[in-house]
Amino acid sequence: MAVILQVDFPTQGPFGTEMSKAFQPLAESINHEDGMLWKIWTENKDTQEAGGIYLFDTASHAEQYLKMHAARL
């Protein structure tokens, strides 16, 4: 059963095209996480937040990613 994980966090940017360019290597590495099916990154310059909505193949893989991502943040 697929599992959706949403993560939001405060950030001061960059946003928009600058964010896309700056985080391209990170985006590519996330594609190789165990169980990753797809991801949508979110951003809101007005509220100084970013995040993502991720689809994993299992709850276990989603939890594994969340632990890694929380430590990175």
Protein backbone atom coordinates (compact mmCIF):
# COMPACT_ATOMS: atom_id res chain seq x y z
CA MET A 1 0.00 0.00 0.00
CA ALA A 2 1.44 3.39 -1.01
CA VAL A 3 1.88 6.06 1.66
CA ILE A 4 1.90 9.85 1.32
CA LEU A 5 4.24 11.85 3.54
CA GLN A 6 4.09 15.63 3.82
CA VAL A 7 6.94 17.61 5.37
CA ASP A 8 6.98 21.40 5.89
CA PHE A 9 9.76 23.47 7.39
CA PRO A 10 10.76 27.12 7.82
CA THR A 11 13.30 28.52 5.38
CA GLN A 12 14.65 31.87 4.28
CA GLY A 13 15.05 30.65 0.72
CA PRO A 14 16.07 30.66 -1.98
CA PHE A 15 12.68 30.46 -3.71
CA GLY A 16 11.43 30.01 -7.26
CA THR A 17 13.91 29.37 -10.03
CA GLU A 18 16.83 29.97 -7.67
CA MET A 19 15.55 27.18 -5.40
CA SER A 20 15.18 24.82 -8.35
CA LYS A 21 18.77 25.41 -9.42
CA ALA A 22 20.25 25.33 -5.92
CA PHE A 23 18.55 22.09 -4.89
CA GLN A 24 18.86 20.14 -8.15
CA PRO A 25 21.50 17.75 -6.74
CA LEU A 26 19.37 17.15 -3.63
CA ALA A 27 16.28 16.49 -5.76
CA GLU A 28 18.18 13.94 -7.81
CA SER A 29 19.50 12.17 -4.70
CA ILE A 30 16.00 11.92 -3.21
CA ASN A 31 14.91 10.02 -6.31
CA HIS A 32 17.16 7.18 -5.13
CA GLU A 33 15.67 6.85 -1.64
CA ASP A 34 14.24 3.41 -0.90
CA GLY A 35 10.61 3.19 -1.92
CA MET A 36 10.35 6.68 -3.43
CA LEU A 37 7.65 6.77 -6.12
CA TRP A 38 7.29 10.52 -6.65
CA LYS A 39 7.71 13.88 -4.95
CA ILE A 40 6.31 17.39 -5.24
CA TRP A 41 8.26 20.16 -3.60
CA THR A 42 6.37 23.10 -2.12
CA GLU A 43 7.40 26.62 -1.27
CA ASN A 44 5.81 29.79 0.05
CA LYS A 45 8.00 32.87 0.04
CA ASP A 46 5.36 34.91 1.91
CA THR A 47 5.33 32.55 4.91
CA GLN A 48 9.01 31.57 4.53
CA GLU A 49 8.19 27.85 4.31
CA ALA A 50 9.16 25.01 2.04
CA GLY A 51 8.48 21.33 2.05
CA GLY A 52 7.34 18.41 0.02
CA ILE A 53 4.69 15.82 -0.56
CA TYR A 54 6.21 12.39 -1.15
CA LEU A 55 4.71 9.07 -2.19
CA PHE A 56 6.42 5.92 -0.92
CA ASP A 57 5.65 2.30 -1.67
CA THR A 58 5.38 1.37 2.05
CA ALA A 59 4.92 3.03 5.44
CA SER A 60 8.30 1.65 6.47
CA HIS A 61 10.08 3.47 3.65
CA ALA A 62 8.18 6.69 4.42
CA GLU A 63 9.21 6.47 8.09
CA GLN A 64 12.82 5.74 7.11
CA TYR A 65 12.88 8.82 4.87
CA LEU A 66 11.23 11.01 7.52
CA LYS A 67 13.88 10.08 10.11
CA MET A 68 16.69 10.88 7.67
CA HIS A 69 15.07 14.10 6.50
CA ALA A 70 14.34 15.33 10.06
CA ALA A 71 17.99 14.81 10.98
CA ARG A 72 19.07 16.74 7.86
CA LEU A 73 16.81 19.67 8.76
